[in-house]
Amino acid sequence: MTSAVSLTIKALLAQAAVTGVTSLRIRPFPLQQGESLPAIAVAMSAEDEEYTLSGAAQYPQTSVQIHCIALTGSAAIEIGERVKEGLRDLLYTSSDSPPVKASFQK
C-alpha cells in the first residue's frame, strides 16, 4: 500500500509552482543533515481507519505535516503558500499499480 507521505510527496512534485522554488528537494521528514535549501519535508502526524465487524474499511484518513524549510522566514512562508494553493481541493491519482486516489484538504 502506498503511504500518505509518499502520495503527498508525489502530489507536491507534480506542482510546478512548488518545484519551481524547491526543485526536487521534497522528501520524507526529517531532511538529511546538509540538505540544500529551500526544501520540503513531509511527515505523517495521524492515521485513522474505520473498522467494522468485517474488518478495516480500507479507506484510512491520514494527516500529514508539511515542513517548508528555507533560509529566511519569509521564504518558508512563500513555499507554504504555494503548497497550500497546489494541494487545495486536489484529487490526486497515483501512477502506482493499482492506482491510489487521495484527496487533500487543509
PDB file of N, CA and C in Angstrom:
ATOM      1  N   MET A   1       0.844  -1.175   0.000  1.00  0.00           N
ATOM      2  CA  MET A   1       0.000   0.000   0.000  1.00  0.00           C
ATOM      3  C   MET A   1       0.895   1.246   0.000  1.00  0.00           C
ATOM      4  N   THR A   2       0.496   2.229  -0.717  1.00  0.00           N
ATOM      5  CA  THR A   2       1.236   3.470  -0.795  1.00  0.00           C
ATOM      6  C   THR A   2       0.938   4.316   0.441  1.00  0.00           C
ATOM      7  N   SER A   3       1.975   4.890   1.034  1.00  0.00           N
ATOM      8  CA  SER A   3       1.774   5.676   2.250  1.00  0.00           C
ATOM      9  C   SER A   3       1.301   7.088   1.918  1.00  0.00           C
ATOM     10  N   ALA A   4       0.683   7.715   2.888  1.00  0.00           N
ATOM     11  CA  ALA A   4       0.224   9.091   2.722  1.00  0.00           C
ATOM     12  C   ALA A   4       1.399  10.034   2.510  1.00  0.00           C
ATOM     13  N   VAL A   5       2.527   9.734   3.143  1.00  0.00           N
ATOM     14  CA  VAL A   5       3.718  10.572   2.968  1.00  0.00           C
ATOM     15  C   VAL A   5       4.195  10.507   1.528  1.00  0.00           C
ATOM     16  N   SER A   6       4.315   9.300   0.974  1.00  0.00           N
ATOM     17  CA  SER A   6       4.797   9.191  -0.408  1.00  0.00           C
ATOM     18  C   SER A   6       3.794   9.771  -1.403  1.00  0.00           C
ATOM     19  N   LEU A   7       2.495   9.614  -1.146  1.00  0.00           N
ATOM     20  CA  LEU A   7       1.492  10.229  -2.021  1.00  0.00           C
ATOM     21  C   LEU A   7       1.572  11.751  -1.975  1.00  0.00           C
ATOM     22  N   THR A   8       1.781  12.306  -0.797  1.00  0.00           N
ATOM     23  CA  THR A   8       1.891  13.753  -0.668  1.00  0.00           C
ATOM     24  C   THR A   8       3.129  14.257  -1.391  1.00  0.00           C
ATOM     25  N   ILE A   9       4.227  13.548  -1.261  1.00  0.00           N
ATOM     26  CA  ILE A   9       5.459  13.933  -1.958  1.00  0.00           C
ATOM     27  C   ILE A   9       5.242  13.899  -3.467  1.00  0.00           C
ATOM     28  N   LYS A  10       4.619  12.842  -3.967  1.00  0.00           N
ATOM     29  CA  LYS A  10       4.355  12.749  -5.413  1.00  0.00           C
ATOM     30  C   LYS A  10       3.439  13.879  -5.877  1.00  0.00           C
ATOM     31  N   ALA A  11       2.419  14.190  -5.085  1.00  0.00           N
ATOM     32  CA  ALA A  11       1.497  15.264  -5.456  1.00  0.00           C
ATOM     33  C   ALA A  11       2.216  16.612  -5.471  1.00  0.00           C
ATOM     34  N   LEU A  12       3.097  16.848  -4.499  1.00  0.00           N
ATOM     35  CA  LEU A  12       3.848  18.100  -4.464  1.00  0.00           C
ATOM     36  C   LEU A  12       4.828  18.191  -5.629  1.00  0.00           C
ATOM     37  N   LEU A  13       5.461  17.069  -5.971  1.00  0.00           N
ATOM     38  CA  LEU A  13       6.397  17.072  -7.102  1.00  0.00           C
ATOM     39  C   LEU A  13       5.692  17.361  -8.424  1.00  0.00           C
ATOM     40  N   ALA A  14       4.389  17.134  -8.481  1.00  0.00           N
ATOM     41  CA  ALA A  14       3.612  17.407  -9.696  1.00  0.00           C
ATOM     42  C   ALA A  14       3.164  18.860  -9.784  1.00  0.00           C
ATOM     43  N   GLN A  15       3.458  19.658  -8.753  1.00  0.00           N
ATOM     44  CA  GLN A  15       3.039  21.063  -8.714  1.00  0.00           C
ATOM     45  C   GLN A  15       4.202  21.962  -9.130  1.00  0.00           C
ATOM     46  N   ALA A  16       4.139  22.508 -10.342  1.00  0.00           N
ATOM     47  CA  ALA A  16       5.224  23.343 -10.870  1.00  0.00           C
ATOM     48  C   ALA A  16       5.492  24.567  -9.993  1.00  0.00           C
ATOM     49  N   ALA A  17       4.454  25.129  -9.376  1.00  0.00           N
ATOM     50  CA  ALA A  17       4.647  26.297  -8.517  1.00  0.00           C
ATOM     51  C   ALA A  17       5.505  25.954  -7.300  1.00  0.00           C
ATOM     52  N   VAL A  18       5.445  24.703  -6.854  1.00  0.00           N
ATOM     53  CA  VAL A  18       6.244  24.266  -5.704  1.00  0.00           C
ATOM     54  C   VAL A  18       7.657  23.907  -6.151  1.00  0.00           C
ATOM     55  N   THR A  19       7.768  23.068  -7.171  1.00  0.00           N
ATOM     56  CA  THR A  19       9.097  22.630  -7.613  1.00  0.00           C
ATOM     57  C   THR A  19       9.889  23.760  -8.259  1.00  0.00           C
ATOM     58  N   GLY A  20       9.208  24.827  -8.678  1.00  0.00           N
ATOM     59  CA  GLY A  20       9.912  25.987  -9.189  1.00  0.00           C
ATOM     60  C   GLY A  20      10.767  26.646  -8.120  1.00  0.00           C
ATOM     61  N   VAL A  21      10.405  26.435  -6.854  1.00  0.00           N
ATOM     62  CA  VAL A  21      11.161  27.002  -5.737  1.00  0.00           C
ATOM     63  C   VAL A  21      12.071  25.960  -5.098  1.00  0.00           C
ATOM     64  N   THR A  22      11.556  24.747  -4.882  1.00  0.00           N
ATOM     65  CA  THR A  22      12.310  23.730  -4.137  1.00  0.00           C
ATOM     66  C   THR A  22      13.059  22.755  -5.035  1.00  0.00           C
ATOM     67  N   SER A  23      12.850  22.824  -6.333  1.00  0.00           N
ATOM     68  CA  SER A  23      13.357  21.816  -7.260  1.00  0.00           C
ATOM     69  C   SER A  23      12.769  20.471  -6.815  1.00  0.00           C
ATOM     70  N   LEU A  24      13.564  19.427  -6.770  1.00  0.00           N
ATOM     71  CA  LEU A  24      13.055  18.112  -6.373  1.00  0.00           C
ATOM     72  C   LEU A  24      13.331  17.815  -4.904  1.00  0.00           C
ATOM     73  N   ARG A  25      13.657  18.836  -4.122  1.00  0.00           N
ATOM     74  CA  ARG A  25      14.002  18.654  -2.713  1.00  0.00           C
ATOM     75  C   ARG A  25      12.728  18.583  -1.858  1.00  0.00           C
ATOM     76  N   ILE A  26      11.959  17.534  -2.079  1.00  0.00           N
ATOM     77  CA  ILE A  26      10.742  17.253  -1.317  1.00  0.00           C
ATOM     78  C   ILE A  26      10.890  15.822  -0.838  1.00  0.00           C
ATOM     79  N   ARG A  27      11.076  15.644   0.451  1.00  0.00           N
ATOM     80  CA  ARG A  27      11.474  14.347   0.995  1.00  0.00           C
ATOM     81  C   ARG A  27      10.679  14.005   2.259  1.00  0.00           C
ATOM     82  N   PRO A  28      10.763  12.727   2.692  1.00  0.00           N
ATOM     83  CA  PRO A  28      10.181  12.374   3.989  1.00  0.00           C
ATOM     84  C   PRO A  28      10.945  13.083   5.113  1.00  0.00           C
ATOM     85  N   PHE A  29      10.240  13.395   6.183  1.00  0.00           N
ATOM     86  CA  PHE A  29      10.832  14.020   7.364  1.00  0.00           C
ATOM     87  C   PHE A  29      11.619  12.969   8.131  1.00  0.00           C
ATOM     88  N   PRO A  30      12.752  13.278   8.686  1.00  0.00           N
ATOM     89  CA  PRO A  30      13.467  14.546   8.666  1.00  0.00           C
ATOM     90  C   PRO A  30      14.387  14.631   7.448  1.00  0.00           C
ATOM     91  N   LEU A  31      14.714  15.850   7.069  1.00  0.00           N
ATOM     92  CA  LEU A  31      15.680  16.037   5.991  1.00  0.00           C
ATOM     93  C   LEU A  31      17.053  15.583   6.473  1.00  0.00           C
ATOM     94  N   GLN A  32      17.874  15.145   5.537  1.00  0.00           N
ATOM     95  CA  GLN A  32      19.233  14.766   5.899  1.00  0.00           C
ATOM     96  C   GLN A  32      20.031  16.004   6.252  1.00  0.00           C
ATOM     97  N   GLN A  33      20.964  15.839   7.153  1.00  0.00           N
ATOM     98  CA  GLN A  33      21.819  16.952   7.541  1.00  0.00           C
ATOM     99  C   GLN A  33      22.570  17.443   6.306  1.00  0.00           C
ATOM    100  N   GLY A  34      22.619  18.743   6.124  1.00  0.00           N
ATOM    101  CA  GLY A  34      23.318  19.330   4.989  1.00  0.00           C
ATOM    102  C   GLY A  34      22.487  19.436   3.732  1.00  0.00           C
ATOM    103  N   GLU A  35      21.187  19.095   3.808  1.00  0.00           N
ATOM    104  CA  GLU A  35      20.299  19.204   2.642  1.00  0.00           C
ATOM    105  C   GLU A  35      20.305  20.642   2.141  1.00  0.00           C
ATOM    106  N   SER A  36      20.365  20.817   0.829  1.00  0.00           N
ATOM    107  CA  SER A  36      20.281  22.154   0.241  1.00  0.00           C
ATOM    108  C   SER A  36      18.894  22.731   0.493  1.00  0.00           C
ATOM    109  N   LEU A  37      18.842  24.023   0.694  1.00  0.00           N
ATOM    110  CA  LEU A  37      17.573  24.707   0.929  1.00  0.00           C
ATOM    111  C   LEU A  37      17.289  25.656  -0.220  1.00  0.00           C
ATOM    112  N   PRO A  38      16.030  25.944  -0.487  1.00  0.00           N
ATOM    113  CA  PRO A  38      14.824  25.547   0.242  1.00  0.00           C
ATOM    114  C   PRO A  38      14.453  24.090  -0.049  1.00  0.00           C
ATOM    115  N   ALA A  39      13.713  23.520   0.887  1.00  0.00           N
ATOM    116  CA  ALA A  39      13.284  22.131   0.760  1.00  0.00           C
ATOM    117  C   ALA A  39      11.979  21.941   1.533  1.00  0.00           C
ATOM    118  N   ILE A  40      11.351  20.809   1.287  1.00  0.00           N
ATOM    119  CA  ILE A  40      10.113  20.445   1.982  1.00  0.00           C
ATOM    120  C   ILE A  40      10.306  19.058   2.576  1.00  0.00           C
ATOM    121  N   ALA A  41       9.870  18.887   3.823  1.00  0.00           N
ATOM    122  CA  ALA A  41       9.885  17.583   4.482  1.00  0.00           C
ATOM    123  C   ALA A  41       8.443  17.228   4.859  1.00  0.00           C
ATOM    124  N   VAL A  42       8.032  16.002   4.565  1.00  0.00           N
ATOM    125  CA  VAL A  42       6.654  15.560   4.820  1.00  0.00           C
ATOM    126  C   VAL A  42       6.672  14.452   5.879  1.00  0.00           C
ATOM    127  N   ALA A  43       5.854  14.612   6.914  1.00  0.00           N
ATOM    128  CA  ALA A  43       5.772  13.631   7.997  1.00  0.00           C
ATOM    129  C   ALA A  43       4.321  13.254   8.264  1.00  0.00           C
ATOM    130  N   MET A  44       4.071  11.975   8.562  1.00  0.00           N
ATOM    131  CA  MET A  44       2.727  11.566   8.955  1.00  0.00           C
ATOM    132  C   MET A  44       2.503  11.997  10.392  1.00  0.00           C
ATOM    133  N   SER A  45       1.351  12.599  10.653  1.00  0.00           N
ATOM    134  CA  SER A  45       1.061  13.025  12.022  1.00  0.00           C
ATOM    135  C   SER A  45      -0.038  12.189  12.669  1.00  0.00           C
ATOM    136  N   ALA A  46      -0.934  11.600  11.876  1.00  0.00           N
ATOM    137  CA  ALA A  46      -2.000  10.766  12.440  1.00  0.00           C
ATOM    138  C   ALA A  46      -2.636   9.933  11.331  1.00  0.00           C
ATOM    139  N   GLU A  47      -3.179   8.799  11.723  1.00  0.00           N
ATOM    140  CA  GLU A  47      -3.929   7.981  10.764  1.00  0.00           C
ATOM    141  C   GLU A  47      -5.073   7.313  11.505  1.00  0.00           C
ATOM    142  N   ASP A  48      -6.239   7.353  10.878  1.00  0.00           N
ATOM    143  CA  ASP A  48      -7.428   6.780  11.487  1.00  0.00           C
ATOM    144  C   ASP A  48      -8.184   6.010  10.417  1.00  0.00           C
ATOM    145  N   GLU A  49      -8.576   4.801  10.726  1.00  0.00           N
ATOM    146  CA  GLU A  49      -9.328   3.993   9.772  1.00  0.00           C
ATOM    147  C   GLU A  49     -10.525   3.374  10.475  1.00  0.00           C
ATOM    148  N   GLU A  50     -11.664   3.471   9.836  1.00  0.00           N
ATOM    149  CA  GLU A  50     -12.875   2.914  10.408  1.00  0.00           C
ATOM    150  C   GLU A  50     -12.813   1.388  10.357  1.00  0.00           C
ATOM    151  N   TYR A  51     -13.218   0.762  11.449  1.00  0.00           N
ATOM    152  CA  TYR A  51     -13.290  -0.697  11.499  1.00  0.00           C
ATOM    153  C   TYR A  51     -14.736  -1.120  11.708  1.00  0.00           C
ATOM    154  N   THR A  52     -15.139  -2.115  10.966  1.00  0.00           N
ATOM    155  CA  THR A  52     -16.480  -2.677  11.099  1.00  0.00           C
ATOM    156  C   THR A  52     -16.356  -4.132  11.513  1.00  0.00           C
ATOM    157  N   LEU A  53     -17.472  -4.826  11.640  1.00  0.00           N
ATOM    158  CA  LEU A  53     -17.423  -6.240  12.009  1.00  0.00           C
ATOM    159  C   LEU A  53     -16.662  -7.072  10.983  1.00  0.00           C
ATOM    160  N   SER A  54     -16.646  -6.618   9.728  1.00  0.00           N
ATOM    161  CA  SER A  54     -15.946  -7.380   8.689  1.00  0.00           C
ATOM    162  C   SER A  54     -14.482  -6.971   8.545  1.00  0.00           C
ATOM    163  N   GLY A  55     -14.017  -6.009   9.355  1.00  0.00           N
ATOM    164  CA  GLY A  55     -12.607  -5.616   9.314  1.00  0.00           C
ATOM    165  C   GLY A  55     -12.440  -4.151   8.937  1.00  0.00           C
ATOM    166  N   ALA A  56     -11.239  -3.832   8.516  1.00  0.00           N
ATOM    167  CA  ALA A  56     -10.896  -2.445   8.179  1.00  0.00           C
ATOM    168  C   ALA A  56     -11.675  -1.990   6.952  1.00  0.00           C
ATOM    169  N   ALA A  57     -12.041  -0.711   6.947  1.00  0.00           N
ATOM    170  CA  ALA A  57     -12.823  -0.157   5.847  1.00  0.00           C
ATOM    171  C   ALA A  57     -11.981   0.060   4.591  1.00  0.00           C
ATOM    172  N   GLN A  58     -10.649   0.026   4.725  1.00  0.00           N
ATOM    173  CA  GLN A  58      -9.718   0.192   3.602  1.00  0.00           C
ATOM    174  C   GLN A  58      -9.659   1.614   3.064  1.00  0.00           C
ATOM    175  N   TYR A  59     -10.187   2.579   3.796  1.00  0.00           N
ATOM    176  CA  TYR A  59     -10.114   3.989   3.405  1.00  0.00           C
ATOM    177  C   TYR A  59      -9.604   4.804   4.590  1.00  0.00           C
ATOM    178  N   PRO A  60      -8.293   4.682   4.898  1.00  0.00           N
ATOM    179  CA  PRO A  60      -7.781   5.417   6.057  1.00  0.00           C
ATOM    180  C   PRO A  60      -7.774   6.921   5.810  1.00  0.00           C
ATOM    181  N   GLN A  61      -8.008   7.659   6.854  1.00  0.00           N
ATOM    182  CA  GLN A  61      -7.889   9.109   6.798  1.00  0.00           C
ATOM    183  C   GLN A  61      -6.593   9.454   7.510  1.00  0.00           C
ATOM    184  N   THR A  62      -5.670  10.022   6.768  1.00  0.00           N
ATOM    185  CA  THR A  62      -4.337  10.283   7.288  1.00  0.00           C
ATOM    186  C   THR A  62      -4.055  11.773   7.271  1.00  0.00           C
ATOM    187  N   SER A  63      -3.429  12.249   8.312  1.00  0.00           N
ATOM    188  CA  SER A  63      -2.991  13.645   8.374  1.00  0.00           C
ATOM    189  C   SER A  63      -1.474  13.668   8.243  1.00  0.00           C
ATOM    190  N   VAL A  64      -0.996  14.594   7.440  1.00  0.00           N
ATOM    191  CA  VAL A  64       0.445  14.776   7.313  1.00  0.00           C
ATOM    192  C   VAL A  64       0.797  16.219   7.653  1.00  0.00           C
ATOM    193  N   GLN A  65       2.018  16.414   8.069  1.00  0.00           N
ATOM    194  CA  GLN A  65       2.555  17.755   8.283  1.00  0.00           C
ATOM    195  C   GLN A  65       3.551  18.011   7.168  1.00  0.00           C
ATOM    196  N   ILE A  66       3.474  19.181   6.588  1.00  0.00           N
ATOM    197  CA  ILE A  66       4.398  19.563   5.530  1.00  0.00           C
ATOM    198  C   ILE A  66       5.267  20.686   6.080  1.00  0.00           C
ATOM    199  N   HIS A  67       6.553  20.407   6.219  1.00  0.00           N
ATOM    200  CA  HIS A  67       7.510  21.355   6.774  1.00  0.00           C
ATOM    201  C   HIS A  67       8.192  22.080   5.627  1.00  0.00           C
ATOM    202  N   CYS A  68       7.984  23.380   5.525  1.00  0.00           N
ATOM    203  CA  CYS A  68       8.597  24.208   4.489  1.00  0.00           C
ATOM    204  C   CYS A  68       9.829  24.866   5.102  1.00  0.00           C
ATOM    205  N   ILE A  69      10.989  24.527   4.592  1.00  0.00           N
ATOM    206  CA  ILE A  69      12.239  24.951   5.206  1.00  0.00           C
ATOM    207  C   ILE A  69      13.025  25.791   4.204  1.00  0.00           C
ATOM    208  N   ALA A  70      13.418  26.977   4.634  1.00  0.00           N
ATOM    209  CA  ALA A  70      14.155  27.886   3.773  1.00  0.00           C
ATOM    210  C   ALA A  70      15.149  28.679   4.614  1.00  0.00           C
ATOM    211  N   LEU A  71      15.947  29.498   3.950  1.00  0.00           N
ATOM    212  CA  LEU A  71      16.966  30.283   4.647  1.00  0.00           C
ATOM    213  C   LEU A  71      16.383  31.464   5.416  1.00  0.00           C
ATOM    214  N   THR A  72      15.186  31.912   5.024  1.00  0.00           N
ATOM    215  CA  THR A  72      14.533  33.011   5.738  1.00  0.00           C
ATOM    216  C   THR A  72      13.094  32.624   6.044  1.00  0.00           C
ATOM    217  N   GLY A  73      12.540  33.272   7.043  1.00  0.00           N
ATOM    218  CA  GLY A  73      11.147  33.017   7.398  1.00  0.00           C
ATOM    219  C   GLY A  73      10.195  33.365   6.273  1.00  0.00           C
ATOM    220  N   SER A  74      10.442  34.487   5.613  1.00  0.00           N
ATOM    221  CA  SER A  74       9.538  34.907   4.540  1.00  0.00           C
ATOM    222  C   SER A  74       9.595  33.927   3.361  1.00  0.00           C
ATOM    223  N   ALA A  75      10.769  33.360   3.086  1.00  0.00           N
ATOM    224  CA  ALA A  75      10.874  32.370   2.007  1.00  0.00           C
ATOM    225  C   ALA A  75      10.114  31.089   2.368  1.00  0.00           C
ATOM    226  N   ALA A  76      10.188  30.683   3.634  1.00  0.00           N
ATOM    227  CA  ALA A  76       9.455  29.495   4.084  1.00  0.00           C
ATOM    228  C   ALA A  76       7.950  29.724   3.996  1.00  0.00           C
ATOM    229  N   ILE A  77       7.494  30.927   4.353  1.00  0.00           N
ATOM    230  CA  ILE A  77       6.068  31.259   4.262  1.00  0.00           C
ATOM    231  C   ILE A  77       5.614  31.217   2.805  1.00  0.00           C
ATOM    232  N   GLU A  78       6.415  31.728   1.899  1.00  0.00           N
ATOM    233  CA  GLU A  78       6.075  31.709   0.472  1.00  0.00           C
ATOM    234  C   GLU A  78       5.939  30.272  -0.041  1.00  0.00           C
ATOM    235  N   ILE A  79       6.837  29.409   0.365  1.00  0.00           N
ATOM    236  CA  ILE A  79       6.728  27.996  -0.031  1.00  0.00           C
ATOM    237  C   ILE A  79       5.436  27.408   0.521  1.00  0.00           C
ATOM    238  N   GLY A  80       5.121  27.718   1.779  1.00  0.00           N
ATOM    239  CA  GLY A  80       3.887  27.225   2.390  1.00  0.00           C
ATOM    240  C   GLY A  80       2.652  27.661   1.628  1.00  0.00           C
ATOM    241  N   GLU A  81       2.644  28.895   1.175  1.00  0.00           N
ATOM    242  CA  GLU A  81       1.507  29.383   0.389  1.00  0.00           C
ATOM    243  C   GLU A  81       1.397  28.624  -0.931  1.00  0.00           C
ATOM    244  N   ARG A  82       2.516  28.353  -1.568  1.00  0.00           N
ATOM    245  CA  ARG A  82       2.496  27.581  -2.824  1.00  0.00           C
ATOM    246  C   ARG A  82       2.014  26.149  -2.589  1.00  0.00           C
ATOM    247  N   VAL A  83       2.423  25.569  -1.468  1.00  0.00           N
ATOM    248  CA  VAL A  83       1.973  24.217  -1.116  1.00  0.00           C
ATOM    249  C   VAL A  83       0.460  24.214  -0.905  1.00  0.00           C
ATOM    250  N   LYS A  84      -0.051  25.171  -0.119  1.00  0.00           N
ATOM    251  CA  LYS A  84      -1.499  25.227   0.137  1.00  0.00           C
ATOM    252  C   LYS A  84      -2.281  25.395  -1.158  1.00  0.00           C
ATOM    253  N   GLU A  85      -1.821  26.294  -2.011  1.00  0.00           N
ATOM    254  CA  GLU A  85      -2.509  26.524  -3.287  1.00  0.00           C
ATOM    255  C   GLU A  85      -2.452  25.283  -4.177  1.00  0.00           C
ATOM    256  N   GLY A  86      -1.307  24.619  -4.212  1.00  0.00           N
ATOM    257  CA  GLY A  86      -1.148  23.448  -5.079  1.00  0.00           C
ATOM    258  C   GLY A  86      -1.968  22.243  -4.648  1.00  0.00           C
ATOM    259  N   LEU A  87      -2.143  22.081  -3.349  1.00  0.00           N
ATOM    260  CA  LEU A  87      -2.861  20.902  -2.853  1.00  0.00           C
ATOM    261  C   LEU A  87      -4.323  21.174  -2.537  1.00  0.00           C
ATOM    262  N   ARG A  88      -4.739  22.449  -2.528  1.00  0.00           N
ATOM    263  CA  ARG A  88      -6.108  22.791  -2.158  1.00  0.00           C
ATOM    264  C   ARG A  88      -7.099  22.078  -3.066  1.00  0.00           C
ATOM    265  N   ASP A  89      -7.967  21.294  -2.456  1.00  0.00           N
ATOM    266  CA  ASP A  89      -9.041  20.573  -3.160  1.00  0.00           C
ATOM    267  C   ASP A  89      -8.532  19.669  -4.283  1.00  0.00           C
ATOM    268  N   LEU A  90      -7.282  19.237  -4.196  1.00  0.00           N
ATOM    269  CA  LEU A  90      -6.709  18.360  -5.217  1.00  0.00           C
ATOM    270  C   LEU A  90      -7.205  16.931  -5.024  1.00  0.00           C
ATOM    271  N   LEU A  91      -7.627  16.302  -6.085  1.00  0.00           N
ATOM    272  CA  LEU A  91      -7.910  14.869  -6.089  1.00  0.00           C
ATOM    273  C   LEU A  91      -6.795  14.241  -6.899  1.00  0.00           C
ATOM    274  N   TYR A  92      -5.880  13.568  -6.227  1.00  0.00           N
ATOM    275  CA  TYR A  92      -4.666  13.048  -6.849  1.00  0.00           C
ATOM    276  C   TYR A  92      -4.803  11.551  -7.067  1.00  0.00           C
ATOM    277  N   THR A  93      -4.431  11.085  -8.250  1.00  0.00           N
ATOM    278  CA  THR A  93      -4.395   9.656  -8.552  1.00  0.00           C
ATOM    279  C   THR A  93      -2.953   9.281  -8.844  1.00  0.00           C
ATOM    280  N   SER A  94      -2.428   8.339  -8.096  1.00  0.00           N
ATOM    281  CA  SER A  94      -1.034   7.947  -8.259  1.00  0.00           C
ATOM    282  C   SER A  94      -0.852   7.123  -9.524  1.00  0.00           C
ATOM    283  N   SER A  95       0.383   6.977  -9.935  1.00  0.00           N
ATOM    284  CA  SER A  95       0.705   6.141 -11.089  1.00  0.00           C
ATOM    285  C   SER A  95       1.043   4.724 -10.639  1.00  0.00           C
ATOM    286  N   ASP A  96       0.807   4.416  -9.372  1.00  0.00           N
ATOM    287  CA  ASP A  96       1.075   3.080  -8.852  1.00  0.00           C
ATOM    288  C   ASP A  96       0.141   2.065  -9.485  1.00  0.00           C
ATOM    289  N   SER A  97       0.493   0.815  -9.340  1.00  0.00           N
ATOM    290  CA  SER A  97      -0.359  -0.243  -9.856  1.00  0.00           C
ATOM    291  C   SER A  97      -0.786  -1.124  -8.676  1.00  0.00           C
ATOM    292  N   PRO A  98      -2.046  -1.157  -8.308  1.00  0.00           N
ATOM    293  CA  PRO A  98      -3.160  -0.374  -8.836  1.00  0.00           C
ATOM    294  C   PRO A  98      -3.075   1.076  -8.363  1.00  0.00           C
ATOM    295  N   PRO A  99      -3.696   2.001  -9.091  1.00  0.00           N
ATOM    296  CA  PRO A  99      -3.635   3.415  -8.712  1.00  0.00           C
ATOM    297  C   PRO A  99      -4.294   3.653  -7.359  1.00  0.00           C
ATOM    298  N   VAL A 100      -3.750   4.619  -6.638  1.00  0.00           N
ATOM    299  CA  VAL A 100      -4.295   5.016  -5.346  1.00  0.00           C
ATOM    300  C   VAL A 100      -4.813   6.443  -5.490  1.00  0.00           C
ATOM    301  N   LYS A 101      -5.995   6.705  -4.969  1.00  0.00           N
ATOM    302  CA  LYS A 101      -6.571   8.042  -5.034  1.00  0.00           C
ATOM    303  C   LYS A 101      -6.499   8.687  -3.677  1.00  0.00           C
ATOM    304  N   ALA A 102      -6.198   9.982  -3.670  1.00  0.00           N
ATOM    305  CA  ALA A 102      -6.136  10.741  -2.422  1.00  0.00           C
ATOM    306  C   ALA A 102      -6.700  12.120  -2.651  1.00  0.00           C
ATOM    307  N   SER A 103      -7.407  12.618  -1.653  1.00  0.00           N
ATOM    308  CA  SER A 103      -7.881  14.000  -1.712  1.00  0.00           C
ATOM    309  C   SER A 103      -7.160  14.762  -0.608  1.00  0.00           C
ATOM    310  N   PHE A 104      -6.888  16.038  -0.878  1.00  0.00           N
ATOM    311  CA  PHE A 104      -6.138  16.863   0.046  1.00  0.00           C
ATOM    312  C   PHE A 104      -7.018  17.991   0.560  1.00  0.00           C
ATOM    313  N   GLN A 105      -6.939  18.228   1.852  1.00  0.00           N
ATOM    314  CA  GLN A 105      -7.674  19.317   2.487  1.00  0.00           C
ATOM    315  C   GLN A 105      -6.740  19.979   3.478  1.00  0.00           C
ATOM    316  N   LYS A 106      -6.923  21.280   3.658  1.00  0.00           N
ATOM    317  CA  LYS A 106      -6.112  21.994   4.642  1.00  0.00           C
ATOM    318  C   LYS A 106      -6.681  21.715   6.014  1.00  0.00           C
TER     319      LYS A 106
END
